[in-house]
């Protein structure tokens, strides 16, 4: 008996960004390892890579994650 059932049909209103195909999809069409989401709107999913880039910069420059070092320069 499987612990998790593979969901083949997405819920209406769940949006994902596929990293493999570089496209927005409603419901999980591609494997979870290849997508970001779920997002609440198509527009939010369209900006998934921008959101990830912004969050990475925030985390890289968050002093809580550095042991006395200086934050990284995103231009370097």
PDB file of N, CA and C in Angstrom:
ATOM      1  N   UNK A   1       0.839  -1.174   0.000  1.00  0.00           N
ATOM      2  CA  UNK A   1       0.000   0.000   0.000  1.00  0.00           C
ATOM      3  C   UNK A   1       0.892   1.248   0.000  1.00  0.00           C
ATOM      4  N   UNK A   2       0.621   2.136  -0.906  1.00  0.00           N
ATOM      5  CA  UNK A   2       1.413   3.366  -1.023  1.00  0.00           C
ATOM      6  C   UNK A   2       1.038   4.352   0.080  1.00  0.00           C
ATOM      7  N   UNK A   3       2.043   5.023   0.604  1.00  0.00           N
ATOM      8  CA  UNK A   3       1.780   6.030   1.623  1.00  0.00           C
ATOM      9  C   UNK A   3       1.180   7.291   1.029  1.00  0.00           C
ATOM     10  N   UNK A   4       1.620   7.619  -0.176  1.00  0.00           N
ATOM     11  CA  UNK A   4       1.151   8.836  -0.830  1.00  0.00           C
ATOM     12  C   UNK A   4       0.585   8.483  -2.190  1.00  0.00           C
ATOM     13  N   UNK A   5      -0.556   9.049  -2.477  1.00  0.00           N
ATOM     14  CA  UNK A   5      -1.140   8.843  -3.798  1.00  0.00           C
ATOM     15  C   UNK A   5      -0.643   9.932  -4.727  1.00  0.00           C
ATOM     16  N   UNK A   6      -0.305   9.549  -5.938  1.00  0.00           N
ATOM     17  CA  UNK A   6       0.129  10.538  -6.922  1.00  0.00           C
ATOM     18  C   UNK A   6      -1.105  11.265  -7.442  1.00  0.00           C
ATOM     19  N   UNK A   7      -1.075  12.572  -7.270  1.00  0.00           N
ATOM     20  CA  UNK A   7      -2.200  13.381  -7.731  1.00  0.00           C
ATOM     21  C   UNK A   7      -1.969  13.680  -9.205  1.00  0.00           C
ATOM     22  N   UNK A   8      -2.864  13.233 -10.048  1.00  0.00           N
ATOM     23  CA  UNK A   8      -2.691  13.432 -11.487  1.00  0.00           C
ATOM     24  C   UNK A   8      -3.451  14.646 -11.997  1.00  0.00           C
ATOM     25  N   UNK A   9      -4.422  15.115 -11.247  1.00  0.00           N
ATOM     26  CA  UNK A   9      -5.207  16.260 -11.671  1.00  0.00           C
ATOM     27  C   UNK A   9      -5.066  17.357 -10.625  1.00  0.00           C
ATOM     28  N   UNK A  10      -4.761  18.541 -11.083  1.00  0.00           N
ATOM     29  CA  UNK A  10      -4.604  19.658 -10.153  1.00  0.00           C
ATOM     30  C   UNK A  10      -5.939  20.240  -9.742  1.00  0.00           C
ATOM     31  N   UNK A  11      -5.885  20.984  -8.666  1.00  0.00           N
ATOM     32  CA  UNK A  11      -7.078  21.687  -8.211  1.00  0.00           C
ATOM     33  C   UNK A  11      -7.215  22.969  -9.023  1.00  0.00           C
ATOM     34  N   UNK A  12      -8.414  23.337  -9.407  1.00  0.00           N
ATOM     35  CA  UNK A  12      -8.600  24.616 -10.086  1.00  0.00           C
ATOM     36  C   UNK A  12      -8.105  25.748  -9.198  1.00  0.00           C
ATOM     37  N   UNK A  13      -7.378  26.662  -9.774  1.00  0.00           N
ATOM     38  CA  UNK A  13      -6.870  27.789  -9.016  1.00  0.00           C
ATOM     39  C   UNK A  13      -5.479  27.579  -8.448  1.00  0.00           C
ATOM     40  N   UNK A  14      -4.901  26.392  -8.611  1.00  0.00           N
ATOM     41  CA  UNK A  14      -3.515  26.145  -8.199  1.00  0.00           C
ATOM     42  C   UNK A  14      -2.623  26.325  -9.417  1.00  0.00           C
ATOM     43  N   UNK A  15      -1.678  27.222  -9.298  1.00  0.00           N
ATOM     44  CA  UNK A  15      -0.798  27.518 -10.420  1.00  0.00           C
ATOM     45  C   UNK A  15       0.634  27.169 -10.058  1.00  0.00           C
ATOM     46  N   UNK A  16       1.379  26.673 -11.029  1.00  0.00           N
ATOM     47  CA  UNK A  16       2.762  26.264 -10.844  1.00  0.00           C
ATOM     48  C   UNK A  16       3.616  26.843 -11.959  1.00  0.00           C
ATOM     49  N   UNK A  17       4.918  26.956 -11.665  1.00  0.00           N
ATOM     50  CA  UNK A  17       5.872  27.333 -12.708  1.00  0.00           C
ATOM     51  C   UNK A  17       6.770  26.136 -12.931  1.00  0.00           C
ATOM     52  N   UNK A  18       6.791  25.617 -14.158  1.00  0.00           N
ATOM     53  CA  UNK A  18       7.596  24.454 -14.506  1.00  0.00           C
ATOM     54  C   UNK A  18       9.016  24.910 -14.850  1.00  0.00           C
ATOM     55  N   UNK A  19       9.991  24.413 -14.091  1.00  0.00           N
ATOM     56  CA  UNK A  19      11.389  24.764 -14.301  1.00  0.00           C
ATOM     57  C   UNK A  19      11.971  24.059 -15.531  1.00  0.00           C
ATOM     58  N   UNK A  20      11.414  22.941 -15.896  1.00  0.00           N
ATOM     59  CA  UNK A  20      11.889  22.170 -17.048  1.00  0.00           C
ATOM     60  C   UNK A  20      11.442  22.807 -18.367  1.00  0.00           C
ATOM     61  N   UNK A  21      10.174  23.204 -18.426  1.00  0.00           N
ATOM     62  CA  UNK A  21       9.598  23.739 -19.669  1.00  0.00           C
ATOM     63  C   UNK A  21       9.502  25.262 -19.685  1.00  0.00           C
ATOM     64  N   UNK A  22       9.820  25.906 -18.542  1.00  0.00           N
ATOM     65  CA  UNK A  22       9.766  27.369 -18.421  1.00  0.00           C
ATOM     66  C   UNK A  22       8.395  27.911 -18.795  1.00  0.00           C
ATOM     67  N   UNK A  23       7.369  27.299 -18.177  1.00  0.00           N
ATOM     68  CA  UNK A  23       6.003  27.737 -18.458  1.00  0.00           C
ATOM     69  C   UNK A  23       5.137  27.629 -17.213  1.00  0.00           C
ATOM     70  N   UNK A  24       4.056  28.363 -17.219  1.00  0.00           N
ATOM     71  CA  UNK A  24       3.071  28.333 -16.146  1.00  0.00           C
ATOM     72  C   UNK A  24       2.058  27.253 -16.471  1.00  0.00           C
ATOM     73  N   UNK A  25       1.668  26.500 -15.450  1.00  0.00           N
ATOM     74  CA  UNK A  25       0.665  25.454 -15.663  1.00  0.00           C
ATOM     75  C   UNK A  25      -0.349  25.482 -14.528  1.00  0.00           C
ATOM     76  N   UNK A  26      -1.579  25.191 -14.859  1.00  0.00           N
ATOM     77  CA  UNK A  26      -2.619  25.111 -13.825  1.00  0.00           C
ATOM     78  C   UNK A  26      -2.710  23.664 -13.384  1.00  0.00           C
ATOM     79  N   UNK A  27      -2.517  23.461 -12.101  1.00  0.00           N
ATOM     80  CA  UNK A  27      -2.480  22.096 -11.585  1.00  0.00           C
ATOM     81  C   UNK A  27      -1.109  21.495 -11.842  1.00  0.00           C
ATOM     82  N   UNK A  28      -0.753  20.460 -11.108  1.00  0.00           N
ATOM     83  CA  UNK A  28       0.564  19.872 -11.293  1.00  0.00           C
ATOM     84  C   UNK A  28       0.629  18.982 -12.530  1.00  0.00           C
ATOM     85  N   UNK A  29       1.186  19.510 -13.605  1.00  0.00           N
ATOM     86  CA  UNK A  29       1.358  18.722 -14.820  1.00  0.00           C
ATOM     87  C   UNK A  29       2.700  18.000 -14.810  1.00  0.00           C
ATOM     88  N   UNK A  30       3.730  18.689 -14.336  1.00  0.00           N
ATOM     89  CA  UNK A  30       5.081  18.132 -14.312  1.00  0.00           C
ATOM     90  C   UNK A  30       5.406  17.650 -12.903  1.00  0.00           C
ATOM     91  N   UNK A  31       6.442  16.800 -12.770  1.00  0.00           N
ATOM     92  CA  UNK A  31       6.816  16.297 -11.439  1.00  0.00           C
ATOM     93  C   UNK A  31       7.175  17.421 -10.474  1.00  0.00           C
ATOM     94  N   UNK A  32       6.970  17.179  -9.196  1.00  0.00           N
ATOM     95  CA  UNK A  32       7.218  18.186  -8.161  1.00  0.00           C
ATOM     96  C   UNK A  32       8.661  18.673  -8.182  1.00  0.00           C
ATOM     97  N   UNK A  33       9.607  17.818  -8.525  1.00  0.00           N
ATOM     98  CA  UNK A  33      11.016  18.214  -8.544  1.00  0.00           C
ATOM     99  C   UNK A  33      11.310  19.255  -9.620  1.00  0.00           C
ATOM    100  N   UNK A  34      10.397  19.418 -10.561  1.00  0.00           N
ATOM    101  CA  UNK A  34      10.600  20.339 -11.679  1.00  0.00           C
ATOM    102  C   UNK A  34       9.720  21.584 -11.621  1.00  0.00           C
ATOM    103  N   UNK A  35       9.139  21.889 -10.454  1.00  0.00           N
ATOM    104  CA  UNK A  35       8.224  23.031 -10.442  1.00  0.00           C
ATOM    105  C   UNK A  35       8.285  23.808  -9.139  1.00  0.00           C
ATOM    106  N   UNK A  36       7.884  25.069  -9.219  1.00  0.00           N
ATOM    107  CA  UNK A  36       7.669  25.935  -8.065  1.00  0.00           C
ATOM    108  C   UNK A  36       6.173  26.089  -7.908  1.00  0.00           C
ATOM    109  N   UNK A  37       5.702  26.168  -6.679  1.00  0.00           N
ATOM    110  CA  UNK A  37       4.288  26.406  -6.444  1.00  0.00           C
ATOM    111  C   UNK A  37       3.768  25.494  -5.355  1.00  0.00           C
ATOM    112  N   UNK A  38       2.497  25.566  -5.068  1.00  0.00           N
ATOM    113  CA  UNK A  38       1.471  26.250  -5.837  1.00  0.00           C
ATOM    114  C   UNK A  38       1.392  27.745  -5.523  1.00  0.00           C
ATOM    115  N   UNK A  39       0.934  28.481  -6.504  1.00  0.00           N
ATOM    116  CA  UNK A  39       0.666  29.909  -6.378  1.00  0.00           C
ATOM    117  C   UNK A  39      -0.834  30.112  -6.500  1.00  0.00           C
ATOM    118  N   UNK A  40      -1.303  31.249  -5.994  1.00  0.00           N
ATOM    119  CA  UNK A  40      -2.753  31.495  -5.987  1.00  0.00           C
ATOM    120  C   UNK A  40      -3.260  32.097  -7.282  1.00  0.00           C
ATOM    121  N   UNK A  41      -2.331  32.586  -8.133  1.00  0.00           N
ATOM    122  CA  UNK A  41      -2.777  33.169  -9.403  1.00  0.00           C
ATOM    123  C   UNK A  41      -1.765  32.869 -10.503  1.00  0.00           C
ATOM    124  N   UNK A  42      -2.221  32.969 -11.724  1.00  0.00           N
ATOM    125  CA  UNK A  42      -1.357  32.767 -12.882  1.00  0.00           C
ATOM    126  C   UNK A  42      -0.233  33.807 -12.888  1.00  0.00           C
ATOM    127  N   UNK A  43      -0.571  35.053 -12.568  1.00  0.00           N
ATOM    128  CA  UNK A  43       0.409  36.137 -12.573  1.00  0.00           C
ATOM    129  C   UNK A  43       1.515  35.880 -11.554  1.00  0.00           C
ATOM    130  N   UNK A  44       1.129  35.397 -10.376  1.00  0.00           N
ATOM    131  CA  UNK A  44       2.121  35.091  -9.341  1.00  0.00           C
ATOM    132  C   UNK A  44       3.069  33.985  -9.816  1.00  0.00           C
ATOM    133  N   UNK A  45       2.528  32.975 -10.472  1.00  0.00           N
ATOM    134  CA  UNK A  45       3.355  31.887 -11.008  1.00  0.00           C
ATOM    135  C   UNK A  45       4.272  32.387 -12.132  1.00  0.00           C
ATOM    136  N   UNK A  46       3.804  33.340 -12.927  1.00  0.00           N
ATOM    137  CA  UNK A  46       4.624  33.885 -14.006  1.00  0.00           C
ATOM    138  C   UNK A  46       5.870  34.582 -13.467  1.00  0.00           C
ATOM    139  N   UNK A  47       5.802  35.080 -12.243  1.00  0.00           N
ATOM    140  CA  UNK A  47       6.927  35.796 -11.637  1.00  0.00           C
ATOM    141  C   UNK A  47       7.699  34.922 -10.653  1.00  0.00           C
ATOM    142  N   UNK A  48       7.546  33.606 -10.760  1.00  0.00           N
ATOM    143  CA  UNK A  48       8.181  32.676  -9.820  1.00  0.00           C
ATOM    144  C   UNK A  48       9.698  32.830  -9.797  1.00  0.00           C
ATOM    145  N   UNK A  49      10.332  32.984 -10.945  1.00  0.00           N
ATOM    146  CA  UNK A  49      11.792  33.095 -10.988  1.00  0.00           C
ATOM    147  C   UNK A  49      12.248  34.421 -10.387  1.00  0.00           C
ATOM    148  N   UNK A  50      11.494  35.490 -10.605  1.00  0.00           N
ATOM    149  CA  UNK A  50      11.825  36.784  -9.994  1.00  0.00           C
ATOM    150  C   UNK A  50      11.711  36.692  -8.472  1.00  0.00           C
ATOM    151  N   UNK A  51      10.651  36.055  -8.004  1.00  0.00           N
ATOM    152  CA  UNK A  51      10.440  35.889  -6.570  1.00  0.00           C
ATOM    153  C   UNK A  51      11.584  35.080  -5.959  1.00  0.00           C
ATOM    154  N   UNK A  52      11.985  34.001  -6.626  1.00  0.00           N
ATOM    155  CA  UNK A  52      13.083  33.169  -6.122  1.00  0.00           C
ATOM    156  C   UNK A  52      14.389  33.970  -6.088  1.00  0.00           C
ATOM    157  N   UNK A  53      14.641  34.750  -7.111  1.00  0.00           N
ATOM    158  CA  UNK A  53      15.862  35.568  -7.176  1.00  0.00           C
ATOM    159  C   UNK A  53      15.887  36.586  -6.028  1.00  0.00           C
ATOM    160  N   UNK A  54      14.764  37.249  -5.801  1.00  0.00           N
ATOM    161  CA  UNK A  54      14.669  38.238  -4.716  1.00  0.00           C
ATOM    162  C   UNK A  54      14.866  37.581  -3.352  1.00  0.00           C
ATOM    163  N   UNK A  55      14.249  36.424  -3.142  1.00  0.00           N
ATOM    164  CA  UNK A  55      14.390  35.733  -1.860  1.00  0.00           C
ATOM    165  C   UNK A  55      15.825  35.255  -1.641  1.00  0.00           C
ATOM    166  N   UNK A  56      16.471  34.774  -2.689  1.00  0.00           N
ATOM    167  CA  UNK A  56      17.863  34.344  -2.559  1.00  0.00           C
ATOM    168  C   UNK A  56      18.755  35.501  -2.133  1.00  0.00           C
ATOM    169  N   UNK A  57      18.550  36.669  -2.729  1.00  0.00           N
ATOM    170  CA  UNK A  57      19.339  37.837  -2.343  1.00  0.00           C
ATOM    171  C   UNK A  57      19.088  38.228  -0.891  1.00  0.00           C
ATOM    172  N   UNK A  58      17.830  38.177  -0.475  1.00  0.00           N
ATOM    173  CA  UNK A  58      17.501  38.495   0.919  1.00  0.00           C
ATOM    174  C   UNK A  58      18.199  37.530   1.871  1.00  0.00           C
ATOM    175  N   UNK A  59      18.156  36.240   1.560  1.00  0.00           N
ATOM    176  CA  UNK A  59      18.762  35.235   2.432  1.00  0.00           C
ATOM    177  C   UNK A  59      20.287  35.366   2.443  1.00  0.00           C
ATOM    178  N   UNK A  60      20.873  35.612   1.283  1.00  0.00           N
ATOM    179  CA  UNK A  60      22.325  35.732   1.204  1.00  0.00           C
ATOM    180  C   UNK A  60      22.836  36.938   1.985  1.00  0.00           C
ATOM    181  N   UNK A  61      22.009  37.960   2.117  1.00  0.00           N
ATOM    182  CA  UNK A  61      22.414  39.176   2.808  1.00  0.00           C
ATOM    183  C   UNK A  61      21.804  39.320   4.194  1.00  0.00           C
ATOM    184  N   UNK A  62      21.163  38.282   4.697  1.00  0.00           N
ATOM    185  CA  UNK A  62      20.555  38.315   6.025  1.00  0.00           C
ATOM    186  C   UNK A  62      21.639  38.071   7.070  1.00  0.00           C
ATOM    187  N   UNK A  63      21.881  39.046   7.957  1.00  0.00           N
ATOM    188  CA  UNK A  63      22.951  38.890   8.951  1.00  0.00           C
ATOM    189  C   UNK A  63      22.731  37.713   9.907  1.00  0.00           C
ATOM    190  N   UNK A  64      21.503  37.249  10.053  1.00  0.00           N
ATOM    191  CA  UNK A  64      21.243  36.100  10.924  1.00  0.00           C
ATOM    192  C   UNK A  64      21.888  34.823  10.384  1.00  0.00           C
ATOM    193  N   UNK A  65      22.193  34.794   9.080  1.00  0.00           N
ATOM    194  CA  UNK A  65      22.750  33.599   8.459  1.00  0.00           C
ATOM    195  C   UNK A  65      24.259  33.696   8.254  1.00  0.00           C
ATOM    196  N   UNK A  66      24.880  34.735   8.784  1.00  0.00           N
ATOM    197  CA  UNK A  66      26.320  34.903   8.635  1.00  0.00           C
ATOM    198  C   UNK A  66      26.956  34.954  10.018  1.00  0.00           C
ATOM    199  N   UNK A  67      28.019  34.219  10.211  1.00  0.00           N
ATOM    200  CA  UNK A  67      28.724  34.190  11.498  1.00  0.00           C
ATOM    201  C   UNK A  67      29.779  35.285  11.543  1.00  0.00           C
ATOM    202  N   UNK A  68      29.343  36.519  11.699  1.00  0.00           N
ATOM    203  CA  UNK A  68      30.269  37.627  11.811  1.00  0.00           C
ATOM    204  C   UNK A  68      30.858  38.075  10.489  1.00  0.00           C
ATOM    205  N   UNK A  69      30.493  37.402   9.413  1.00  0.00           N
ATOM    206  CA  UNK A  69      30.998  37.788   8.104  1.00  0.00           C
ATOM    207  C   UNK A  69      30.206  38.942   7.527  1.00  0.00           C
ATOM    208  N   UNK A  70      30.643  39.422   6.419  1.00  0.00           N
ATOM    209  CA  UNK A  70      29.935  40.511   5.765  1.00  0.00           C
ATOM    210  C   UNK A  70      28.968  39.940   4.746  1.00  0.00           C
ATOM    211  N   UNK A  71      27.870  40.620   4.508  1.00  0.00           N
ATOM    212  CA  UNK A  71      26.920  40.161   3.510  1.00  0.00           C
ATOM    213  C   UNK A  71      27.570  40.120   2.128  1.00  0.00           C
ATOM    214  N   UNK A  72      27.078  39.231   1.299  1.00  0.00           N
ATOM    215  CA  UNK A  72      27.611  39.103  -0.053  1.00  0.00           C
ATOM    216  C   UNK A  72      27.159  40.267  -0.907  1.00  0.00           C
ATOM    217  N   UNK A  73      28.028  40.692  -1.792  1.00  0.00           N
ATOM    218  CA  UNK A  73      27.718  41.755  -2.732  1.00  0.00           C
ATOM    219  C   UNK A  73      27.105  41.128  -3.976  1.00  0.00           C
ATOM    220  N   UNK A  74      25.812  41.419  -4.286  1.00  0.00           N
ATOM    221  CA  UNK A  74      25.181  40.796  -5.444  1.00  0.00           C
ATOM    222  C   UNK A  74      25.833  41.196  -6.761  1.00  0.00           C
ATOM    223  N   UNK A  75      26.609  42.270  -6.773  1.00  0.00           N
ATOM    224  CA  UNK A  75      27.271  42.722  -7.992  1.00  0.00           C
ATOM    225  C   UNK A  75      28.613  42.028  -8.203  1.00  0.00           C
ATOM    226  N   UNK A  76      29.125  41.347  -7.172  1.00  0.00           N
ATOM    227  CA  UNK A  76      30.453  40.722  -7.270  1.00  0.00           C
ATOM    228  C   UNK A  76      30.415  39.438  -8.051  1.00  0.00           C
TER     229      UNK A  76
END
